[in-house]
Amino acid sequence: MARNIRKGDEVIVIAGDHKDSKGKVLQVLREKNRVLVEGVNLRKKHERKSQDNPQGSIVERESPIHYSNVKLAEKEG
């Protein structure tokens, strides 16, 4: 990756459906050149019934976005 985006950094989405959204980087997927940003690119996922979740459910989770669509937010102060 050309940029130095790391886990925990505050980023702004600069392209795509979630443009101008801010969030914290939860995970960096270096092999795929993607980042997981908190609260951005949410997808609904159906969960199977299990002991922990006897009813099953639909959960919203973040999906990774390409690192070229984000930039580091400038630190205030």
PDB file of N, CA and C in Angstrom:
ATOM      1  N   MET A   1       0.835  -1.191   0.000  1.00  0.00           N
ATOM      2  CA  MET A   1       0.000   0.000   0.000  1.00  0.00           C
ATOM      3  C   MET A   1       0.868   1.239   0.000  1.00  0.00           C
ATOM      4  N   ALA A   2       0.489   2.172  -0.791  1.00  0.00           N
ATOM      5  CA  ALA A   2       1.276   3.390  -0.902  1.00  0.00           C
ATOM      6  C   ALA A   2       1.069   4.288   0.312  1.00  0.00           C
ATOM      7  N   ARG A   3      -0.115   4.240   0.891  1.00  0.00           N
ATOM      8  CA  ARG A   3      -0.419   5.125   2.013  1.00  0.00           C
ATOM      9  C   ARG A   3      -0.121   4.451   3.340  1.00  0.00           C
ATOM     10  N   ASN A   4       0.050   5.246   4.342  1.00  0.00           N
ATOM     11  CA  ASN A   4       0.313   4.713   5.666  1.00  0.00           C
ATOM     12  C   ASN A   4      -0.948   4.756   6.512  1.00  0.00           C
ATOM     13  N   ILE A   5      -1.966   4.047   6.107  1.00  0.00           N
ATOM     14  CA  ILE A   5      -3.200   3.964   6.861  1.00  0.00           C
ATOM     15  C   ILE A   5      -3.068   2.776   7.798  1.00  0.00           C
ATOM     16  N   ARG A   6      -3.293   3.033   9.081  1.00  0.00           N
ATOM     17  CA  ARG A   6      -3.131   1.988  10.079  1.00  0.00           C
ATOM     18  C   ARG A   6      -4.405   1.819  10.886  1.00  0.00           C
ATOM     19  N   LYS A   7      -4.501   0.704  11.554  1.00  0.00           N
ATOM     20  CA  LYS A   7      -5.623   0.430  12.435  1.00  0.00           C
ATOM     21  C   LYS A   7      -5.701   1.514  13.505  1.00  0.00           C
ATOM     22  N   GLY A   8      -6.901   2.049  13.720  1.00  0.00           N
ATOM     23  CA  GLY A   8      -7.087   3.089  14.728  1.00  0.00           C
ATOM     24  C   GLY A   8      -7.039   4.504  14.176  1.00  0.00           C
ATOM     25  N   ASP A   9      -6.586   4.688  12.935  1.00  0.00           N
ATOM     26  CA  ASP A   9      -6.532   6.020  12.326  1.00  0.00           C
ATOM     27  C   ASP A   9      -7.938   6.523  12.014  1.00  0.00           C
ATOM     28  N   GLU A  10      -8.127   7.827  12.091  1.00  0.00           N
ATOM     29  CA  GLU A  10      -9.383   8.467  11.704  1.00  0.00           C
ATOM     30  C   GLU A  10      -9.289   8.806  10.219  1.00  0.00           C
ATOM     31  N   VAL A  11     -10.280   8.335   9.426  1.00  0.00           N
ATOM     32  CA  VAL A  11     -10.249   8.566   7.982  1.00  0.00           C
ATOM     33  C   VAL A  11     -11.557   9.174   7.500  1.00  0.00           C
ATOM     34  N   ILE A  12     -11.497   9.786   6.305  1.00  0.00           N
ATOM     35  CA  ILE A  12     -12.668  10.343   5.638  1.00  0.00           C
ATOM     36  C   ILE A  12     -12.803   9.624   4.297  1.00  0.00           C
ATOM     37  N   VAL A  13     -14.026   9.204   3.976  1.00  0.00           N
ATOM     38  CA  VAL A  13     -14.279   8.551   2.692  1.00  0.00           C
ATOM     39  C   VAL A  13     -14.392   9.646   1.633  1.00  0.00           C
ATOM     40  N   ILE A  14     -13.630   9.519   0.535  1.00  0.00           N
ATOM     41  CA  ILE A  14     -13.593  10.572  -0.486  1.00  0.00           C
ATOM     42  C   ILE A  14     -14.281  10.182  -1.783  1.00  0.00           C
ATOM     43  N   ALA A  15     -14.753   8.924  -1.887  1.00  0.00           N
ATOM     44  CA  ALA A  15     -15.423   8.490  -3.111  1.00  0.00           C
ATOM     45  C   ALA A  15     -16.433   7.394  -2.788  1.00  0.00           C
ATOM     46  N   GLY A  16     -17.437   7.283  -3.648  1.00  0.00           N
ATOM     47  CA  GLY A  16     -18.413   6.216  -3.492  1.00  0.00           C
ATOM     48  C   GLY A  16     -19.680   6.670  -2.787  1.00  0.00           C
ATOM     49  N   ASP A  17     -20.530   5.696  -2.447  1.00  0.00           N
ATOM     50  CA  ASP A  17     -21.823   5.977  -1.833  1.00  0.00           C
ATOM     51  C   ASP A  17     -21.711   6.630  -0.458  1.00  0.00           C
ATOM     52  N   HIS A  18     -20.620   6.392   0.230  1.00  0.00           N
ATOM     53  CA  HIS A  18     -20.454   6.896   1.593  1.00  0.00           C
ATOM     54  C   HIS A  18     -19.504   8.087   1.648  1.00  0.00           C
ATOM     55  N   LYS A  19     -19.446   8.853   0.577  1.00  0.00           N
ATOM     56  CA  LYS A  19     -18.558  10.002   0.486  1.00  0.00           C
ATOM     57  C   LYS A  19     -18.809  10.970   1.637  1.00  0.00           C
ATOM     58  N   ASP A  20     -17.750  11.549   2.185  1.00  0.00           N
ATOM     59  CA  ASP A  20     -17.761  12.509   3.288  1.00  0.00           C
ATOM     60  C   ASP A  20     -18.089  11.877   4.640  1.00  0.00           C
ATOM     61  N   SER A  21     -18.115  10.560   4.734  1.00  0.00           N
ATOM     62  CA  SER A  21     -18.315   9.897   6.021  1.00  0.00           C
ATOM     63  C   SER A  21     -16.978   9.790   6.736  1.00  0.00           C
ATOM     64  N   LYS A  22     -17.015   9.945   8.062  1.00  0.00           N
ATOM     65  CA  LYS A  22     -15.812   9.801   8.875  1.00  0.00           C
ATOM     66  C   LYS A  22     -15.924   8.542   9.704  1.00  0.00           C
ATOM     67  N   GLY A  23     -14.789   7.937   9.996  1.00  0.00           N
ATOM     68  CA  GLY A  23     -14.798   6.758  10.844  1.00  0.00           C
ATOM     69  C   GLY A  23     -13.395   6.328  11.199  1.00  0.00           C
ATOM     70  N   LYS A  24     -13.322   5.393  12.139  1.00  0.00           N
ATOM     71  CA  LYS A  24     -12.045   4.869  12.592  1.00  0.00           C
ATOM     72  C   LYS A  24     -11.771   3.560  11.858  1.00  0.00           C
ATOM     73  N   VAL A  25     -10.523   3.334  11.485  1.00  0.00           N
ATOM     74  CA  VAL A  25     -10.139   2.115  10.787  1.00  0.00           C
ATOM     75  C   VAL A  25     -10.131   0.967  11.796  1.00  0.00           C
ATOM     76  N   LEU A  26     -10.943  -0.066  11.510  1.00  0.00           N
ATOM     77  CA  LEU A  26     -11.020  -1.226  12.390  1.00  0.00           C
ATOM     78  C   LEU A  26     -10.011  -2.299  12.001  1.00  0.00           C
ATOM     79  N   GLN A  27      -9.754  -2.407  10.688  1.00  0.00           N
ATOM     80  CA  GLN A  27      -8.856  -3.448  10.199  1.00  0.00           C
ATOM     81  C   GLN A  27      -8.290  -3.031   8.848  1.00  0.00           C
ATOM     82  N   VAL A  28      -7.057  -3.430   8.582  1.00  0.00           N
ATOM     83  CA  VAL A  28      -6.427  -3.173   7.288  1.00  0.00           C
ATOM     84  C   VAL A  28      -6.149  -4.515   6.639  1.00  0.00           C
ATOM     85  N   LEU A  29      -6.681  -4.723   5.434  1.00  0.00           N
ATOM     86  CA  LEU A  29      -6.476  -5.960   4.684  1.00  0.00           C
ATOM     87  C   LEU A  29      -5.446  -5.669   3.592  1.00  0.00           C
ATOM     88  N   ARG A  30      -4.183  -5.835   3.903  1.00  0.00           N
ATOM     89  CA  ARG A  30      -3.098  -5.441   3.001  1.00  0.00           C
ATOM     90  C   ARG A  30      -3.078  -6.236   1.700  1.00  0.00           C
ATOM     91  N   GLU A  31      -3.376  -7.549   1.761  1.00  0.00           N
ATOM     92  CA  GLU A  31      -3.312  -8.364   0.537  1.00  0.00           C
ATOM     93  C   GLU A  31      -4.342  -7.917  -0.493  1.00  0.00           C
ATOM     94  N   LYS A  32      -5.489  -7.415   0.000  1.00  0.00           N
ATOM     95  CA  LYS A  32      -6.569  -7.005  -0.896  1.00  0.00           C
ATOM     96  C   LYS A  32      -6.644  -5.497  -1.086  1.00  0.00           C
ATOM     97  N   ASN A  33      -5.741  -4.736  -0.463  1.00  0.00           N
ATOM     98  CA  ASN A  33      -5.704  -3.271  -0.552  1.00  0.00           C
ATOM     99  C   ASN A  33      -7.015  -2.645  -0.093  1.00  0.00           C
ATOM    100  N   ARG A  34      -7.563  -3.149   1.005  1.00  0.00           N
ATOM    101  CA  ARG A  34      -8.838  -2.667   1.506  1.00  0.00           C
ATOM    102  C   ARG A  34      -8.755  -2.351   2.991  1.00  0.00           C
ATOM    103  N   VAL A  35      -9.657  -1.489   3.436  1.00  0.00           N
ATOM    104  CA  VAL A  35      -9.739  -1.148   4.857  1.00  0.00           C
ATOM    105  C   VAL A  35     -11.183  -1.292   5.330  1.00  0.00           C
ATOM    106  N   LEU A  36     -11.336  -1.598   6.606  1.00  0.00           N
ATOM    107  CA  LEU A  36     -12.641  -1.721   7.237  1.00  0.00           C
ATOM    108  C   LEU A  36     -12.815  -0.485   8.111  1.00  0.00           C
ATOM    109  N   VAL A  37     -13.821   0.346   7.787  1.00  0.00           N
ATOM    110  CA  VAL A  37     -14.034   1.609   8.489  1.00  0.00           C
ATOM    111  C   VAL A  37     -15.322   1.519   9.309  1.00  0.00           C
ATOM    112  N   GLU A  38     -15.230   1.936  10.569  1.00  0.00           N
ATOM    113  CA  GLU A  38     -16.354   1.858  11.495  1.00  0.00           C
ATOM    114  C   GLU A  38     -17.535   2.705  11.014  1.00  0.00           C
ATOM    115  N   GLY A  39     -18.711   2.082  10.872  1.00  0.00           N
ATOM    116  CA  GLY A  39     -19.923   2.786  10.502  1.00  0.00           C
ATOM    117  C   GLY A  39     -20.062   3.115   9.026  1.00  0.00           C
ATOM    118  N   VAL A  40     -19.154   2.620   8.189  1.00  0.00           N
ATOM    119  CA  VAL A  40     -19.182   2.919   6.755  1.00  0.00           C
ATOM    120  C   VAL A  40     -19.368   1.620   5.982  1.00  0.00           C
ATOM    121  N   ASN A  41     -20.163   1.674   4.911  1.00  0.00           N
ATOM    122  CA  ASN A  41     -20.404   0.534   4.031  1.00  0.00           C
ATOM    123  C   ASN A  41     -21.030  -0.643   4.788  1.00  0.00           C
ATOM    124  N   LEU A  42     -22.113  -0.365   5.506  1.00  0.00           N
ATOM    125  CA  LEU A  42     -22.789  -1.404   6.282  1.00  0.00           C
ATOM    126  C   LEU A  42     -23.586  -2.325   5.370  1.00  0.00           C
ATOM    127  N   ARG A  43     -23.506  -3.616   5.633  1.00  0.00           N
ATOM    128  CA  ARG A  43     -24.238  -4.642   4.891  1.00  0.00           C
ATOM    129  C   ARG A  43     -25.007  -5.488   5.895  1.00  0.00           C
ATOM    130  N   LYS A  44     -26.164  -5.994   5.470  1.00  0.00           N
ATOM    131  CA  LYS A  44     -26.945  -6.871   6.339  1.00  0.00           C
ATOM    132  C   LYS A  44     -26.509  -8.313   6.112  1.00  0.00           C
ATOM    133  N   LYS A  45     -26.294  -9.031   7.216  1.00  0.00           N
ATOM    134  CA  LYS A  45     -25.852 -10.420   7.140  1.00  0.00           C
ATOM    135  C   LYS A  45     -26.812 -11.277   7.950  1.00  0.00           C
ATOM    136  N   HIS A  46     -27.284 -12.353   7.363  1.00  0.00           N
ATOM    137  CA  HIS A  46     -28.181 -13.270   8.059  1.00  0.00           C
ATOM    138  C   HIS A  46     -27.342 -14.239   8.877  1.00  0.00           C
ATOM    139  N   GLU A  47     -27.670 -14.359  10.163  1.00  0.00           N
ATOM    140  CA  GLU A  47     -26.945 -15.277  11.025  1.00  0.00           C
ATOM    141  C   GLU A  47     -27.784 -16.508  11.297  1.00  0.00           C
ATOM    142  N   ARG A  48     -27.143 -17.638  11.273  1.00  0.00           N
ATOM    143  CA  ARG A  48     -27.776 -18.920  11.485  1.00  0.00           C
ATOM    144  C   ARG A  48     -28.123 -19.102  12.960  1.00  0.00           C
ATOM    145  N   LYS A  49     -29.093 -19.950  13.252  1.00  0.00           N
ATOM    146  CA  LYS A  49     -29.433 -20.270  14.642  1.00  0.00           C
ATOM    147  C   LYS A  49     -28.263 -20.977  15.293  1.00  0.00           C
ATOM    148  N   SER A  50     -28.012 -20.640  16.564  1.00  0.00           N
ATOM    149  CA  SER A  50     -26.937 -21.284  17.309  1.00  0.00           C
ATOM    150  C   SER A  50     -27.282 -21.221  18.790  1.00  0.00           C
ATOM    151  N   GLN A  51     -26.424 -21.768  19.634  1.00  0.00           N
ATOM    152  CA  GLN A  51     -26.668 -21.703  21.075  1.00  0.00           C
ATOM    153  C   GLN A  51     -26.640 -20.260  21.567  1.00  0.00           C
ATOM    154  N   ASP A  52     -25.720 -19.489  21.049  1.00  0.00           N
ATOM    155  CA  ASP A  52     -25.619 -18.080  21.445  1.00  0.00           C
ATOM    156  C   ASP A  52     -26.784 -17.265  20.898  1.00  0.00           C
ATOM    157  N   ASN A  53     -27.294 -17.644  19.756  1.00  0.00           N
ATOM    158  CA  ASN A  53     -28.341 -16.902  19.079  1.00  0.00           C
ATOM    159  C   ASN A  53     -29.455 -17.875  18.660  1.00  0.00           C
ATOM    160  N   PRO A  54     -30.325 -18.301  19.610  1.00  0.00           N
ATOM    161  CA  PRO A  54     -31.293 -19.356  19.309  1.00  0.00           C
ATOM    162  C   PRO A  54     -32.332 -18.985  18.254  1.00  0.00           C
ATOM    163  N   GLN A  55     -32.622 -17.706  18.062  1.00  0.00           N
ATOM    164  CA  GLN A  55     -33.623 -17.293  17.089  1.00  0.00           C
ATOM    165  C   GLN A  55     -33.034 -17.073  15.696  1.00  0.00           C
ATOM    166  N   GLY A  56     -31.737 -16.858  15.618  1.00  0.00           N
ATOM    167  CA  GLY A  56     -31.146 -16.419  14.366  1.00  0.00           C
ATOM    168  C   GLY A  56     -31.461 -14.932  14.231  1.00  0.00           C
ATOM    169  N   SER A  57     -30.780 -14.221  13.367  1.00  0.00           N
ATOM    170  CA  SER A  57     -31.050 -12.789  13.242  1.00  0.00           C
ATOM    171  C   SER A  57     -30.399 -12.218  11.998  1.00  0.00           C
ATOM    172  N   ILE A  58     -30.690 -10.949  11.786  1.00  0.00           N
ATOM    173  CA  ILE A  58     -30.057 -10.196  10.705  1.00  0.00           C
ATOM    174  C   ILE A  58     -29.221  -9.116  11.371  1.00  0.00           C
ATOM    175  N   VAL A  59     -27.933  -9.098  11.077  1.00  0.00           N
ATOM    176  CA  VAL A  59     -27.023  -8.135  11.697  1.00  0.00           C
ATOM    177  C   VAL A  59     -26.412  -7.248  10.635  1.00  0.00           C
ATOM    178  N   GLU A  60     -26.133  -6.004  10.996  1.00  0.00           N
ATOM    179  CA  GLU A  60     -25.436  -5.099  10.078  1.00  0.00           C
ATOM    180  C   GLU A  60     -23.955  -5.119  10.423  1.00  0.00           C
ATOM    181  N   ARG A  61     -23.135  -5.324   9.406  1.00  0.00           N
ATOM    182  CA  ARG A  61     -21.684  -5.351   9.586  1.00  0.00           C
ATOM    183  C   ARG A  61     -21.024  -4.468   8.545  1.00  0.00           C
ATOM    184  N   GLU A  62     -19.836  -3.991   8.888  1.00  0.00           N
ATOM    185  CA  GLU A  62     -19.077  -3.188   7.945  1.00  0.00           C
ATOM    186  C   GLU A  62     -18.450  -4.095   6.888  1.00  0.00           C
ATOM    187  N   SER A  63     -18.413  -3.615   5.671  1.00  0.00           N
ATOM    188  CA  SER A  63     -17.709  -4.300   4.591  1.00  0.00           C
ATOM    189  C   SER A  63     -16.486  -3.465   4.231  1.00  0.00           C
ATOM    190  N   PRO A  64     -15.421  -4.124   3.777  1.00  0.00           N
ATOM    191  CA  PRO A  64     -14.214  -3.370   3.440  1.00  0.00           C
ATOM    192  C   PRO A  64     -14.397  -2.503   2.192  1.00  0.00           C
ATOM    193  N   ILE A  65     -13.681  -1.377   2.161  1.00  0.00           N
ATOM    194  CA  ILE A  65     -13.660  -0.518   0.978  1.00  0.00           C
ATOM    195  C   ILE A  65     -12.207  -0.333   0.550  1.00  0.00           C
ATOM    196  N   HIS A  66     -12.005  -0.013  -0.704  1.00  0.00           N
ATOM    197  CA  HIS A  66     -10.650   0.133  -1.235  1.00  0.00           C
ATOM    198  C   HIS A  66      -9.954   1.319  -0.568  1.00  0.00           C
ATOM    199  N   TYR A  67      -8.676   1.145  -0.268  1.00  0.00           N
ATOM    200  CA  TYR A  67      -7.947   2.185   0.458  1.00  0.00           C
ATOM    201  C   TYR A  67      -7.813   3.483  -0.333  1.00  0.00           C
ATOM    202  N   SER A  68      -7.960   3.430  -1.656  1.00  0.00           N
ATOM    203  CA  SER A  68      -7.861   4.647  -2.452  1.00  0.00           C
ATOM    204  C   SER A  68      -9.083   5.539  -2.282  1.00  0.00           C
ATOM    205  N   ASN A  69     -10.151   5.002  -1.686  1.00  0.00           N
ATOM    206  CA  ASN A  69     -11.368   5.786  -1.471  1.00  0.00           C
ATOM    207  C   ASN A  69     -11.390   6.466  -0.109  1.00  0.00           C
ATOM    208  N   VAL A  70     -10.309   6.369   0.644  1.00  0.00           N
ATOM    209  CA  VAL A  70     -10.233   7.038   1.937  1.00  0.00           C
ATOM    210  C   VAL A  70      -8.969   7.879   2.038  1.00  0.00           C
ATOM    211  N   LYS A  71      -9.031   8.894   2.895  1.00  0.00           N
ATOM    212  CA  LYS A  71      -7.819   9.656   3.195  1.00  0.00           C
ATOM    213  C   LYS A  71      -7.784   9.911   4.694  1.00  0.00           C
ATOM    214  N   LEU A  72      -6.600  10.105   5.208  1.00  0.00           N
ATOM    215  CA  LEU A  72      -6.448  10.365   6.630  1.00  0.00           C
ATOM    216  C   LEU A  72      -7.099  11.701   6.987  1.00  0.00           C
ATOM    217  N   ALA A  73      -7.838  11.721   8.083  1.00  0.00           N
ATOM    218  CA  ALA A  73      -8.449  12.969   8.544  1.00  0.00           C
ATOM    219  C   ALA A  73      -7.366  13.773   9.236  1.00  0.00           C
ATOM    220  N   GLU A  74      -7.381  15.072   8.997  1.00  0.00           N
ATOM    221  CA  GLU A  74      -6.389  15.941   9.623  1.00  0.00           C
ATOM    222  C   GLU A  74      -6.711  16.090  11.100  1.00  0.00           C
ATOM    223  N   LYS A  75      -5.684  16.033  11.916  1.00  0.00           N
ATOM    224  CA  LYS A  75      -5.883  16.141  13.350  1.00  0.00           C
ATOM    225  C   LYS A  75      -6.138  17.600  13.731  1.00  0.00           C
ATOM    226  N   GLU A  76      -7.159  17.781  14.561  1.00  0.00           N
ATOM    227  CA  GLU A  76      -7.506  19.132  15.012  1.00  0.00           C
ATOM    228  C   GLU A  76      -6.743  19.418  16.301  1.00  0.00           C
ATOM    229  N   GLY A  77      -6.328  20.648  16.444  1.00  0.00           N
ATOM    230  CA  GLY A  77      -5.694  21.017  17.702  1.00  0.00           C
ATOM    231  C   GLY A  77      -4.397  21.605  17.587  1.00  0.00           C
TER     232      GLY A  77
END
